[in-house]
Amino acid sequence: MQEEQTGRPEEGFYTTVEWAEKIHRSTPQASRLLRTAIADGAAEMRMYKVQVGRWKRPIPHYRLIQPARSKRGCSGTAS
């Protein structure tokens, strides 16, 4: 069962749309990157109830646990 929290999200937790704006990607691409980060253990997800119109809806919020590292080398030469 998913744990839901009410109130303002903790520092560092953002919605998929907010992450998409931060990393300059589309929302579906940001969602895919966040799911990959969670599977790799580089991010965590928490559900927060957010007021949407007249109802409070559970919305997933994400936070990075560790800095992202590229799997590509940085030798300075194109491969």
Protein backbone atom coordinates (compact mmCIF):
# COMPACT_ATOMS: atom_id res chain seq x y z
CA MET A 1 0.00 0.00 0.00
CA GLN A 2 1.27 3.44 -0.86
CA GLU A 3 1.96 5.79 1.99
CA GLU A 4 0.33 9.19 1.59
CA GLN A 5 1.27 12.36 3.38
CA THR A 6 -0.70 15.56 3.66
CA GLY A 7 0.55 19.11 3.78
CA ARG A 8 3.40 20.68 1.88
CA PRO A 9 6.01 18.30 0.45
CA GLU A 10 9.40 18.20 2.14
CA GLU A 11 12.31 20.17 0.70
CA GLY A 12 13.60 18.64 -2.52
CA PHE A 13 10.40 16.76 -3.46
CA TYR A 14 8.88 17.87 -6.78
CA THR A 15 6.14 16.60 -9.08
CA THR A 16 6.85 15.16 -12.51
CA VAL A 17 5.76 18.43 -14.15
CA GLU A 18 8.08 20.45 -11.90
CA TRP A 19 10.99 18.10 -12.69
CA ALA A 20 10.25 18.41 -16.42
CA GLU A 21 10.54 22.19 -16.15
CA LYS A 22 13.75 21.95 -14.08
CA ILE A 23 15.54 19.64 -16.52
CA HIS A 24 14.05 21.17 -19.68
CA ARG A 25 12.39 17.95 -20.88
CA SER A 26 8.85 16.95 -21.81
CA THR A 27 6.64 15.55 -19.06
CA PRO A 28 6.62 11.97 -20.48
CA GLN A 29 10.41 11.99 -20.82
CA ALA A 30 10.84 13.32 -17.27
CA SER A 31 8.46 10.62 -16.02
CA ARG A 32 10.52 7.92 -17.74
CA LEU A 33 13.76 9.33 -16.32
CA LEU A 34 12.27 9.45 -12.81
CA ARG A 35 11.05 5.84 -13.02
CA THR A 36 14.55 4.78 -14.14
CA ALA A 37 16.14 6.74 -11.28
CA ILE A 38 13.82 5.05 -8.77
CA ALA A 39 14.64 1.60 -10.18
CA ASP A 40 18.38 2.40 -9.93
CA GLY A 41 18.00 3.66 -6.35
CA ALA A 42 19.02 7.21 -7.28
CA ALA A 43 15.63 8.76 -6.40
CA GLU A 44 12.74 8.23 -4.04
CA MET A 45 9.01 8.80 -4.44
CA ARG A 46 6.45 9.88 -1.85
CA MET A 47 2.75 10.46 -2.33
CA TYR A 48 1.36 13.78 -1.08
CA LYS A 49 -2.27 14.82 -1.10
CA VAL A 50 -2.62 18.00 -3.15
CA GLN A 51 -5.73 20.16 -3.46
CA VAL A 52 -7.02 19.85 -7.05
CA GLY A 53 -10.22 21.83 -7.46
CA ARG A 54 -12.55 20.69 -4.71
CA TRP A 55 -10.74 17.41 -3.98
CA LYS A 56 -7.44 16.36 -2.49
CA ARG A 57 -5.70 13.93 -4.82
CA PRO A 58 -2.61 11.81 -4.16
CA ILE A 59 0.17 13.12 -6.39
CA PRO A 60 3.62 11.47 -6.54
CA HIS A 61 6.57 13.69 -5.65
CA TYR A 62 10.19 12.74 -6.35
CA ARG A 63 13.55 13.59 -4.80
CA LEU A 64 17.05 12.66 -5.93
CA ILE A 65 18.98 10.64 -3.36
CA GLN A 66 22.42 10.87 -4.93
CA PRO A 67 23.88 13.05 -7.68
CA ALA A 68 23.25 11.69 -11.14
CA ARG A 69 26.31 10.23 -12.82
CA SER A 70 26.60 9.77 -16.54
CA LYS A 71 27.50 6.28 -17.73
CA ARG A 72 29.51 7.82 -20.56
CA GLY A 73 33.20 8.50 -20.20
CA CYS A 74 34.58 12.02 -20.08
CA SER A 75 37.86 11.50 -21.91
CA GLY A 76 37.21 14.57 -24.02
CA THR A 77 37.14 12.73 -27.32
CA ALA A 78 34.08 11.84 -29.33
CA SER A 79 33.47 8.16 -29.82
